[in-house]
Every structure is written in C-alpha cells, then in structure tokens.
C-alpha cells in the first residue's frame, strides 16, 4: 500500500472533536489549537478534517522555516491564495475594503495600485472578519512554531475575533520545537488567559492502534510479536512507524530474516 493512501489511524476521536467544534459555531465562533511532537500526524489530521467539510469555505496556510529563520508570511500568503481560488479576486477585494491594495504585497492580483504594507495585518484581519459574516469560514494556520511575528499576530487576532464572530480558527504547532524562550509561548499564554483557545494535544498511538497502522502500511496482518517489536522503539510514533515499514519493504531479498538493514536498525527496529 502506498504511504499516502494509508487510512487515518488513532485520530478518529480528534477528527470527530474538530467536526463538533465547527458544528458548534453560531453567533460566536471557535478556536482550537492542535499540538504534538514532530511526526505525530498533525498535518494529516488537519488535511482529513478540511477535506471532510462541506458547504464551508476552508483556507489553509502553513508557516515555513527558511533554514535561517521563519520565511515571512508564507501562511498568510497561502490563506489569501485559497480565498482567491474559492471566491475570486473581486469578492476578496470587496471584502477587504479600502485597504485591499495592501494585500498585493503577498498576492499581486489583489492590488490595483501600490498598497500600504504597514497596514497588511489590519487588512488581513478585517478581510477574514468580514467574510465570516457572510460565509461559513474555516481558517487553518499550521506550524506556528515556524511563524514570523506578523503571522503570529494575525493568528492571535483572528482567535480573538472568533470569540465574537461566526469564525472557526484552527492552529497547529510542534511541541518539541516550542521551548520556554520560544516567541509563540507568550502568544498562546495570553490567549489561554483569556480562555479563547481549546487545546487538542495529540497522544502517541496505543499498542492496538500501532498494530493497525503496521498492518495498513505493511499490506497484510502483522502478528502480535512483530507488531510489538516495532511498537516499542517508536513508542507509538506514526511517521517513524511508516518509515520503518517502508524500509523493510525495500530491504534486499538476501537479508536474513529478522536482520533489517543498518538504516532500519538506526531508527530502532
């Protein structure tokens, strides 16, 4: 079975909880943050969640690490492009109001003339606020551990708007990258003090779930001893489990049974 086609395992409760949050949006919105270590399935969960929604405008963006620090405003650029794809340039410009030209800094098609880049954060927040009044709107910003300060500011302001508008905001970040001195910490702490965020931390897979994932990736039923042998080193870590299975399938036929290649042994099999 191809890795990309592996069913979502061990995250159904999280998926259902996110759907319930969207269904609960009324005059007031909701804001949820999904967290977990690298490879725990955050992106896959958010993808399956967004693809499961109907009659909703869903926009997704992800912060990116440039190698020397956050790549500025990549997540916001993604959101705006999704909006243009869903609604069209004119509808986005109309919702943005007089400041629409500022959006051209990120998406040139949205500007008729040079805009005021310093107003970008204000215009983006007002744009999504206005659209939330006329559309069922879901805004997803992933990988906030890599976000620049303006992206973090916009995300926090949208969470605050969700308290008074029918807007659903979904954020994610990698817990193992957010240490005590990370700039995202005070942002989340401030939102928590205001009780504006619902946290959804992802747990590691249980033994049964790990076995189900092993079977799905391997393409046949994994016996209990083999599943346990693979479960312990990766401690229920979905990406490591999939990578290990993929390496096993590619192992040379001449390797003796029970002796995986060095690259497999190196990650704990």
C-alpha atoms as a PDB file:
ATOM      1  CA  UNK A   1       0.000   0.000   0.000  1.00  0.00           C
ATOM      2  CA  UNK A   2       1.255   3.476  -0.785  1.00  0.00           C
ATOM      3  CA  UNK A   3       2.065   5.595   2.254  1.00  0.00           C
ATOM      4  CA  UNK A   4      -0.173   8.423   1.065  1.00  0.00           C
ATOM      5  CA  UNK A   5      -3.155   6.093   0.973  1.00  0.00           C
ATOM      6  CA  UNK A   6      -2.780   4.722   4.491  1.00  0.00           C
ATOM      7  CA  UNK A   7      -6.015   5.278   6.460  1.00  0.00           C
ATOM      8  CA  UNK A   8      -6.048   7.664   9.390  1.00  0.00           C
ATOM      9  CA  UNK A   9      -5.348   5.531  12.461  1.00  0.00           C
ATOM     10  CA  UNK A  10      -5.791   6.514  16.092  1.00  0.00           C
ATOM     11  CA  UNK A  11      -7.069  10.025  15.364  1.00  0.00           C
ATOM     12  CA  UNK A  12     -10.805   9.459  14.874  1.00  0.00           C
ATOM     13  CA  UNK A  13     -11.644  10.993  18.253  1.00  0.00           C
ATOM     14  CA  UNK A  14      -9.602  14.067  17.361  1.00  0.00           C
ATOM     15  CA  UNK A  15     -11.255  14.292  13.944  1.00  0.00           C
ATOM     16  CA  UNK A  16     -14.722  13.985  15.482  1.00  0.00           C
ATOM     17  CA  UNK A  17     -13.880  16.630  18.092  1.00  0.00           C
ATOM     18  CA  UNK A  18     -12.819  19.108  15.413  1.00  0.00           C
ATOM     19  CA  UNK A  19     -16.013  18.482  13.455  1.00  0.00           C
ATOM     20  CA  UNK A  20     -18.048  19.046  16.620  1.00  0.00           C
ATOM     21  CA  UNK A  21     -16.272  22.367  17.157  1.00  0.00           C
ATOM     22  CA  UNK A  22     -17.185  23.515  13.650  1.00  0.00           C
ATOM     23  CA  UNK A  23     -20.791  22.423  14.130  1.00  0.00           C
ATOM     24  CA  UNK A  24     -20.925  24.444  17.346  1.00  0.00           C
ATOM     25  CA  UNK A  25     -20.102  27.718  15.582  1.00  0.00           C
ATOM     26  CA  UNK A  26     -23.064  30.049  15.822  1.00  0.00           C
ATOM     27  CA  UNK A  27     -23.169  33.751  16.553  1.00  0.00           C
ATOM     28  CA  UNK A  28     -19.824  33.154  18.217  1.00  0.00           C
ATOM     29  CA  UNK A  29     -17.012  31.153  16.714  1.00  0.00           C
ATOM     30  CA  UNK A  30     -14.468  28.680  17.982  1.00  0.00           C
ATOM     31  CA  UNK A  31     -10.673  28.492  18.083  1.00  0.00           C
ATOM     32  CA  UNK A  32      -8.735  25.253  18.512  1.00  0.00           C
ATOM     33  CA  UNK A  33      -5.008  24.541  18.614  1.00  0.00           C
ATOM     34  CA  UNK A  34      -3.661  21.076  17.769  1.00  0.00           C
ATOM     35  CA  UNK A  35      -0.235  20.268  19.173  1.00  0.00           C
ATOM     36  CA  UNK A  36       2.159  17.349  19.197  1.00  0.00           C
ATOM     37  CA  UNK A  37       5.729  16.326  18.558  1.00  0.00           C
ATOM     38  CA  UNK A  38       7.115  16.144  15.029  1.00  0.00           C
ATOM     39  CA  UNK A  39       5.541  13.333  13.007  1.00  0.00           C
ATOM     40  CA  UNK A  40       2.562  12.766  15.286  1.00  0.00           C
ATOM     41  CA  UNK A  41       0.050  13.294  12.479  1.00  0.00           C
ATOM     42  CA  UNK A  42      -0.986  16.925  12.879  1.00  0.00           C
ATOM     43  CA  UNK A  43      -0.863  17.756   9.180  1.00  0.00           C
ATOM     44  CA  UNK A  44      -2.655  14.564   8.194  1.00  0.00           C
ATOM     45  CA  UNK A  45      -5.376  15.189  10.776  1.00  0.00           C
ATOM     46  CA  UNK A  46      -5.927  18.758   9.592  1.00  0.00           C
ATOM     47  CA  UNK A  47      -5.959  17.655   5.957  1.00  0.00           C
ATOM     48  CA  UNK A  48      -8.559  14.960   6.581  1.00  0.00           C
ATOM     49  CA  UNK A  49     -10.583  17.400   8.669  1.00  0.00           C
ATOM     50  CA  UNK A  50     -10.621  20.086   5.984  1.00  0.00           C
ATOM     51  CA  UNK A  51     -11.441  17.581   3.242  1.00  0.00           C
ATOM     52  CA  UNK A  52     -14.386  16.270   5.269  1.00  0.00           C
ATOM     53  CA  UNK A  53     -16.141  19.644   5.451  1.00  0.00           C
ATOM     54  CA  UNK A  54     -18.984  20.579   3.131  1.00  0.00           C
ATOM     55  CA  UNK A  55     -20.676  23.926   2.460  1.00  0.00           C
ATOM     56  CA  UNK A  56     -17.749  25.677   4.128  1.00  0.00           C
ATOM     57  CA  UNK A  57     -15.040  27.954   2.767  1.00  0.00           C
ATOM     58  CA  UNK A  58     -11.792  26.422   4.033  1.00  0.00           C
ATOM     59  CA  UNK A  59      -8.476  28.228   3.706  1.00  0.00           C
ATOM     60  CA  UNK A  60      -5.191  26.695   4.836  1.00  0.00           C
ATOM     61  CA  UNK A  61      -1.753  28.127   5.291  1.00  0.00           C
ATOM     62  CA  UNK A  62       1.472  26.866   6.815  1.00  0.00           C
ATOM     63  CA  UNK A  63       4.427  28.703   8.283  1.00  0.00           C
ATOM     64  CA  UNK A  64       7.778  27.635   6.847  1.00  0.00           C
ATOM     65  CA  UNK A  65      11.329  27.543   8.178  1.00  0.00           C
ATOM     66  CA  UNK A  66      13.703  29.105   5.646  1.00  0.00           C
ATOM     67  CA  UNK A  67      16.725  27.442   7.226  1.00  0.00           C
ATOM     68  CA  UNK A  68      17.876  30.644   8.858  1.00  0.00           C
ATOM     69  CA  UNK A  69      14.563  31.577  10.478  1.00  0.00           C
ATOM     70  CA  UNK A  70      10.864  31.920   9.636  1.00  0.00           C
ATOM     71  CA  UNK A  71      10.033  32.582   5.997  1.00  0.00           C
ATOM     72  CA  UNK A  72       7.913  35.743   6.297  1.00  0.00           C
ATOM     73  CA  UNK A  73       4.149  35.482   5.864  1.00  0.00           C
ATOM     74  CA  UNK A  74       4.065  32.188   3.934  1.00  0.00           C
ATOM     75  CA  UNK A  75       0.981  31.054   5.857  1.00  0.00           C
ATOM     76  CA  UNK A  76      -0.879  34.301   5.198  1.00  0.00           C
ATOM     77  CA  UNK A  77       0.015  34.162   1.506  1.00  0.00           C
ATOM     78  CA  UNK A  78      -1.413  30.618   1.368  1.00  0.00           C
ATOM     79  CA  UNK A  79      -4.633  31.783   3.029  1.00  0.00           C
ATOM     80  CA  UNK A  80      -5.118  34.630   0.582  1.00  0.00           C
ATOM     81  CA  UNK A  81      -4.476  32.414  -2.428  1.00  0.00           C
ATOM     82  CA  UNK A  82      -7.021  29.897  -1.142  1.00  0.00           C
ATOM     83  CA  UNK A  83      -9.532  32.726  -0.740  1.00  0.00           C
ATOM     84  CA  UNK A  84      -8.962  33.871  -4.306  1.00  0.00           C
ATOM     85  CA  UNK A  85      -9.385  30.294  -5.546  1.00  0.00           C
ATOM     86  CA  UNK A  86     -12.626  29.891  -3.579  1.00  0.00           C
ATOM     87  CA  UNK A  87     -14.254  33.302  -4.068  1.00  0.00           C
ATOM     88  CA  UNK A  88     -12.439  35.125  -6.845  1.00  0.00           C
ATOM     89  CA  UNK A  89     -10.315  38.264  -6.866  1.00  0.00           C
ATOM     90  CA  UNK A  90     -13.161  40.772  -6.919  1.00  0.00           C
ATOM     91  CA  UNK A  91     -15.009  39.197  -3.997  1.00  0.00           C
ATOM     92  CA  UNK A  92     -11.832  39.200  -1.899  1.00  0.00           C
ATOM     93  CA  UNK A  93     -11.033  42.804  -2.781  1.00  0.00           C
ATOM     94  CA  UNK A  94     -14.581  43.883  -1.941  1.00  0.00           C
ATOM     95  CA  UNK A  95     -14.459  42.153   1.440  1.00  0.00           C
ATOM     96  CA  UNK A  96     -11.073  43.711   2.199  1.00  0.00           C
ATOM     97  CA  UNK A  97     -12.468  47.195   1.671  1.00  0.00           C
ATOM     98  CA  UNK A  98     -10.418  50.363   1.084  1.00  0.00           C
ATOM     99  CA  UNK A  99      -7.203  48.713   2.237  1.00  0.00           C
ATOM    100  CA  UNK A 100      -7.350  45.906  -0.320  1.00  0.00           C
ATOM    101  CA  UNK A 101      -4.260  47.117  -2.178  1.00  0.00           C
ATOM    102  CA  UNK A 102      -2.133  46.211   0.847  1.00  0.00           C
ATOM    103  CA  UNK A 103      -2.843  42.548   0.074  1.00  0.00           C
ATOM    104  CA  UNK A 104      -0.926  42.961  -3.163  1.00  0.00           C
ATOM    105  CA  UNK A 105       2.291  42.710  -1.153  1.00  0.00           C
ATOM    106  CA  UNK A 106       1.558  38.992  -0.915  1.00  0.00           C
ATOM    107  CA  UNK A 107      -0.799  38.338  -3.840  1.00  0.00           C
ATOM    108  CA  UNK A 108      -0.209  40.884  -6.623  1.00  0.00           C
ATOM    109  CA  UNK A 109      -3.543  40.093  -8.307  1.00  0.00           C
ATOM    110  CA  UNK A 110      -5.330  41.630  -5.309  1.00  0.00           C
ATOM    111  CA  UNK A 111      -3.851  45.098  -5.829  1.00  0.00           C
ATOM    112  CA  UNK A 112      -4.878  47.746  -8.328  1.00  0.00           C
ATOM    113  CA  UNK A 113      -2.070  50.003  -7.172  1.00  0.00           C
ATOM    114  CA  UNK A 114       0.701  50.101  -4.598  1.00  0.00           C
ATOM    115  CA  UNK A 115      -0.673  49.465  -1.127  1.00  0.00           C
ATOM    116  CA  UNK A 116       0.488  50.306   2.376  1.00  0.00           C
ATOM    117  CA  UNK A 117       2.421  47.245   3.553  1.00  0.00           C
ATOM    118  CA  UNK A 118       2.345  48.511   7.139  1.00  0.00           C
ATOM    119  CA  UNK A 119      -1.422  48.019   7.150  1.00  0.00           C
ATOM    120  CA  UNK A 120      -1.210  44.393   5.996  1.00  0.00           C
ATOM    121  CA  UNK A 121      -2.047  42.754   9.334  1.00  0.00           C
ATOM    122  CA  UNK A 122      -5.034  45.051   9.896  1.00  0.00           C
ATOM    123  CA  UNK A 123      -6.376  44.454   6.395  1.00  0.00           C
ATOM    124  CA  UNK A 124      -6.000  40.670   6.632  1.00  0.00           C
ATOM    125  CA  UNK A 125      -7.825  40.528   9.962  1.00  0.00           C
ATOM    126  CA  UNK A 126     -10.631  42.751   8.687  1.00  0.00           C
ATOM    127  CA  UNK A 127     -10.886  40.713   5.489  1.00  0.00           C
ATOM    128  CA  UNK A 128     -11.483  37.446   7.336  1.00  0.00           C
ATOM    129  CA  UNK A 129     -13.777  39.145   9.823  1.00  0.00           C
ATOM    130  CA  UNK A 130     -15.935  40.493   7.025  1.00  0.00           C
ATOM    131  CA  UNK A 131     -16.053  37.149   5.200  1.00  0.00           C
ATOM    132  CA  UNK A 132     -17.016  35.373   8.425  1.00  0.00           C
ATOM    133  CA  UNK A 133     -20.179  37.482   8.470  1.00  0.00           C
ATOM    134  CA  UNK A 134     -21.232  36.292   5.027  1.00  0.00           C
ATOM    135  CA  UNK A 135     -19.728  32.800   4.697  1.00  0.00           C
ATOM    136  CA  UNK A 136     -19.158  29.733   6.815  1.00  0.00           C
ATOM    137  CA  UNK A 137     -15.422  30.220   7.119  1.00  0.00           C
ATOM    138  CA  UNK A 138     -12.696  27.941   8.455  1.00  0.00           C
ATOM    139  CA  UNK A 139      -9.171  29.364   8.735  1.00  0.00           C
ATOM    140  CA  UNK A 140      -6.353  26.862   9.307  1.00  0.00           C
ATOM    141  CA  UNK A 141      -2.817  28.018  10.129  1.00  0.00           C
ATOM    142  CA  UNK A 142      -0.297  25.226  10.553  1.00  0.00           C
ATOM    143  CA  UNK A 143       3.202  25.023  12.016  1.00  0.00           C
ATOM    144  CA  UNK A 144       3.059  28.148  14.145  1.00  0.00           C
ATOM    145  CA  UNK A 145       6.386  27.135  15.718  1.00  0.00           C
ATOM    146  CA  UNK A 146       7.913  28.469  12.461  1.00  0.00           C
ATOM    147  CA  UNK A 147       5.768  31.591  12.213  1.00  0.00           C
ATOM    148  CA  UNK A 148       7.187  35.096  11.953  1.00  0.00           C
ATOM    149  CA  UNK A 149       5.896  37.732  14.356  1.00  0.00           C
ATOM    150  CA  UNK A 150       3.329  39.179  11.928  1.00  0.00           C
ATOM    151  CA  UNK A 151       1.830  35.756  11.208  1.00  0.00           C
ATOM    152  CA  UNK A 152       1.603  35.040  14.941  1.00  0.00           C
ATOM    153  CA  UNK A 153      -0.043  38.430  15.483  1.00  0.00           C
ATOM    154  CA  UNK A 154      -2.622  37.783  12.757  1.00  0.00           C
ATOM    155  CA  UNK A 155      -3.357  34.294  14.120  1.00  0.00           C
ATOM    156  CA  UNK A 156      -3.873  35.664  17.633  1.00  0.00           C
ATOM    157  CA  UNK A 157      -6.136  38.466  16.411  1.00  0.00           C
ATOM    158  CA  UNK A 158      -8.248  36.003  14.424  1.00  0.00           C
ATOM    159  CA  UNK A 159      -8.632  33.856  17.536  1.00  0.00           C
ATOM    160  CA  UNK A 160      -9.901  36.946  19.369  1.00  0.00           C
ATOM    161  CA  UNK A 161     -12.313  37.742  16.540  1.00  0.00           C
ATOM    162  CA  UNK A 162     -13.633  34.174  16.706  1.00  0.00           C
ATOM    163  CA  UNK A 163     -14.949  34.983  20.184  1.00  0.00           C
ATOM    164  CA  UNK A 164     -17.408  37.484  18.718  1.00  0.00           C
ATOM    165  CA  UNK A 165     -17.882  36.348  15.100  1.00  0.00           C
ATOM    166  CA  UNK A 166     -19.049  33.079  13.484  1.00  0.00           C
ATOM    167  CA  UNK A 167     -15.477  32.154  12.559  1.00  0.00           C
ATOM    168  CA  UNK A 168     -13.624  28.879  13.105  1.00  0.00           C
ATOM    169  CA  UNK A 169      -9.864  29.173  13.572  1.00  0.00           C
ATOM    170  CA  UNK A 170      -7.676  26.071  13.727  1.00  0.00           C
ATOM    171  CA  UNK A 171      -3.984  26.339  14.597  1.00  0.00           C
ATOM    172  CA  UNK A 172      -1.210  23.800  14.978  1.00  0.00           C
ATOM    173  CA  UNK A 173       2.321  23.758  16.312  1.00  0.00           C
ATOM    174  CA  UNK A 174       5.105  21.312  17.115  1.00  0.00           C
ATOM    175  CA  UNK A 175       5.552  20.980  20.865  1.00  0.00           C
ATOM    176  CA  UNK A 176       9.146  19.765  20.716  1.00  0.00           C
ATOM    177  CA  UNK A 177      10.139  22.987  18.911  1.00  0.00           C
ATOM    178  CA  UNK A 178       8.463  25.391  21.336  1.00  0.00           C
ATOM    179  CA  UNK A 179      10.804  25.764  24.307  1.00  0.00           C
ATOM    180  CA  UNK A 180      10.497  28.194  27.170  1.00  0.00           C
ATOM    181  CA  UNK A 181      12.053  31.064  25.226  1.00  0.00           C
ATOM    182  CA  UNK A 182      10.106  30.496  22.014  1.00  0.00           C
ATOM    183  CA  UNK A 183       8.132  33.601  20.936  1.00  0.00           C
ATOM    184  CA  UNK A 184       4.969  31.533  20.440  1.00  0.00           C
ATOM    185  CA  UNK A 185       4.803  30.773  24.158  1.00  0.00           C
ATOM    186  CA  UNK A 186       3.584  34.208  25.339  1.00  0.00           C
ATOM    187  CA  UNK A 187       1.139  34.395  22.424  1.00  0.00           C
ATOM    188  CA  UNK A 188      -0.524  31.130  23.454  1.00  0.00           C
ATOM    189  CA  UNK A 189      -0.357  32.051  27.140  1.00  0.00           C
ATOM    190  CA  UNK A 190      -2.188  35.328  26.510  1.00  0.00           C
ATOM    191  CA  UNK A 191      -4.938  33.552  24.560  1.00  0.00           C
ATOM    192  CA  UNK A 192      -5.204  30.925  27.280  1.00  0.00           C
ATOM    193  CA  UNK A 193      -5.569  33.554  29.986  1.00  0.00           C
ATOM    194  CA  UNK A 194      -8.470  34.989  28.023  1.00  0.00           C
ATOM    195  CA  UNK A 195      -9.914  31.464  27.653  1.00  0.00           C
ATOM    196  CA  UNK A 196     -10.102  31.806  23.899  1.00  0.00           C
ATOM    197  CA  UNK A 197      -8.401  28.564  22.850  1.00  0.00           C
ATOM    198  CA  UNK A 198      -9.368  24.905  23.069  1.00  0.00           C
ATOM    199  CA  UNK A 199      -6.276  22.705  23.157  1.00  0.00           C
ATOM    200  CA  UNK A 200      -6.178  19.365  21.333  1.00  0.00           C
ATOM    201  CA  UNK A 201      -2.820  17.694  22.060  1.00  0.00           C
ATOM    202  CA  UNK A 202      -2.176  14.548  20.024  1.00  0.00           C
ATOM    203  CA  UNK A 203      -1.220  11.482  22.020  1.00  0.00           C
ATOM    204  CA  UNK A 204       1.030   8.687  20.835  1.00  0.00           C
ATOM    205  CA  UNK A 205      -0.680   5.649  19.358  1.00  0.00           C
ATOM    206  CA  UNK A 206      -1.813   2.855  21.642  1.00  0.00           C
ATOM    207  CA  UNK A 207      -0.476  -0.697  21.056  1.00  0.00           C
ATOM    208  CA  UNK A 208      -3.691  -1.645  19.240  1.00  0.00           C
ATOM    209  CA  UNK A 209      -3.558   1.471  17.061  1.00  0.00           C
ATOM    210  CA  UNK A 210       0.123   0.919  16.338  1.00  0.00           C
ATOM    211  CA  UNK A 211      -0.679  -2.615  15.230  1.00  0.00           C
ATOM    212  CA  UNK A 212      -3.472  -1.365  12.980  1.00  0.00           C
ATOM    213  CA  UNK A 213      -1.125   1.147  11.384  1.00  0.00           C
ATOM    214  CA  UNK A 214       1.542  -1.507  10.898  1.00  0.00           C
ATOM    215  CA  UNK A 215      -0.986  -3.715   9.141  1.00  0.00           C
ATOM    216  CA  UNK A 216      -2.242  -0.869   6.946  1.00  0.00           C
ATOM    217  CA  UNK A 217       1.246   0.132   5.832  1.00  0.00           C
ATOM    218  CA  UNK A 218       2.659  -3.381   5.506  1.00  0.00           C
ATOM    219  CA  UNK A 219      -0.267  -4.570   3.430  1.00  0.00           C
ATOM    220  CA  UNK A 220      -1.036  -7.649   5.482  1.00  0.00           C
ATOM    221  CA  UNK A 221      -1.786  -8.568   9.055  1.00  0.00           C
ATOM    222  CA  UNK A 222       1.202  -8.144  11.363  1.00  0.00           C
ATOM    223  CA  UNK A 223       1.406 -10.808  14.061  1.00  0.00           C
ATOM    224  CA  UNK A 224       1.394  -9.676  17.689  1.00  0.00           C
ATOM    225  CA  UNK A 225       5.095 -10.381  18.276  1.00  0.00           C
ATOM    226  CA  UNK A 226       6.159  -8.458  15.192  1.00  0.00           C
ATOM    227  CA  UNK A 227       3.817  -5.538  15.938  1.00  0.00           C
ATOM    228  CA  UNK A 228       5.162  -5.337  19.496  1.00  0.00           C
ATOM    229  CA  UNK A 229       8.746  -5.424  18.235  1.00  0.00           C
ATOM    230  CA  UNK A 230       8.027  -2.421  16.039  1.00  0.00           C
ATOM    231  CA  UNK A 231       5.855  -0.607  18.546  1.00  0.00           C
ATOM    232  CA  UNK A 232       8.338  -0.285  21.382  1.00  0.00           C
ATOM    233  CA  UNK A 233      11.195   1.607  19.705  1.00  0.00           C
ATOM    234  CA  UNK A 234       8.947   4.141  18.001  1.00  0.00           C
ATOM    235  CA  UNK A 235       6.689   4.493  21.055  1.00  0.00           C
ATOM    236  CA  UNK A 236       3.554   4.918  19.009  1.00  0.00           C
ATOM    237  CA  UNK A 237       5.081   7.478  16.650  1.00  0.00           C
ATOM    238  CA  UNK A 238       3.115   7.308  13.350  1.00  0.00           C
ATOM    239  CA  UNK A 239       5.728   8.712  10.966  1.00  0.00           C
ATOM    240  CA  UNK A 240       8.575   6.608  12.326  1.00  0.00           C
ATOM    241  CA  UNK A 241       6.390   3.534  12.102  1.00  0.00           C
ATOM    242  CA  UNK A 242       5.514   4.214   8.465  1.00  0.00           C
ATOM    243  CA  UNK A 243       9.131   4.954   7.586  1.00  0.00           C
ATOM    244  CA  UNK A 244      10.289   1.723   9.204  1.00  0.00           C
ATOM    245  CA  UNK A 245       7.752  -0.363   7.307  1.00  0.00           C
ATOM    246  CA  UNK A 246       8.699   1.322   4.043  1.00  0.00           C
ATOM    247  CA  UNK A 247      12.360   0.500   4.616  1.00  0.00           C
ATOM    248  CA  UNK A 248      11.508  -3.105   5.419  1.00  0.00           C
ATOM    249  CA  UNK A 249       9.643  -3.483   2.130  1.00  0.00           C
ATOM    250  CA  UNK A 250      12.650  -2.160   0.241  1.00  0.00           C
ATOM    251  CA  UNK A 251      15.163  -4.382   2.026  1.00  0.00           C
ATOM    252  CA  UNK A 252      17.263  -6.645  -0.199  1.00  0.00           C
ATOM    253  CA  UNK A 253      15.848 -10.166  -0.532  1.00  0.00           C
ATOM    254  CA  UNK A 254      19.116 -11.706   0.638  1.00  0.00           C
ATOM    255  CA  UNK A 255      18.972 -10.171   4.109  1.00  0.00           C
ATOM    256  CA  UNK A 256      18.401 -12.840   6.732  1.00  0.00           C
ATOM    257  CA  UNK A 257      15.038 -12.890   8.437  1.00  0.00           C
ATOM    258  CA  UNK A 258      14.952 -10.649  11.464  1.00  0.00           C
ATOM    259  CA  UNK A 259      18.026  -8.665  10.438  1.00  0.00           C
ATOM    260  CA  UNK A 260      16.876  -5.376   8.905  1.00  0.00           C
ATOM    261  CA  UNK A 261      19.305  -3.090   7.057  1.00  0.00           C
ATOM    262  CA  UNK A 262      21.506  -0.726   9.028  1.00  0.00           C
ATOM    263  CA  UNK A 263      19.272   2.270   8.224  1.00  0.00           C
ATOM    264  CA  UNK A 264      16.298   0.456   9.776  1.00  0.00           C
ATOM    265  CA  UNK A 265      18.251  -0.599  12.858  1.00  0.00           C
ATOM    266  CA  UNK A 266      19.371   3.015  13.240  1.00  0.00           C
ATOM    267  CA  UNK A 267      15.815   4.193  13.879  1.00  0.00           C
ATOM    268  CA  UNK A 268      15.149   1.492  16.384  1.00  0.00           C
ATOM    269  CA  UNK A 269      13.871  -1.702  14.707  1.00  0.00           C
END
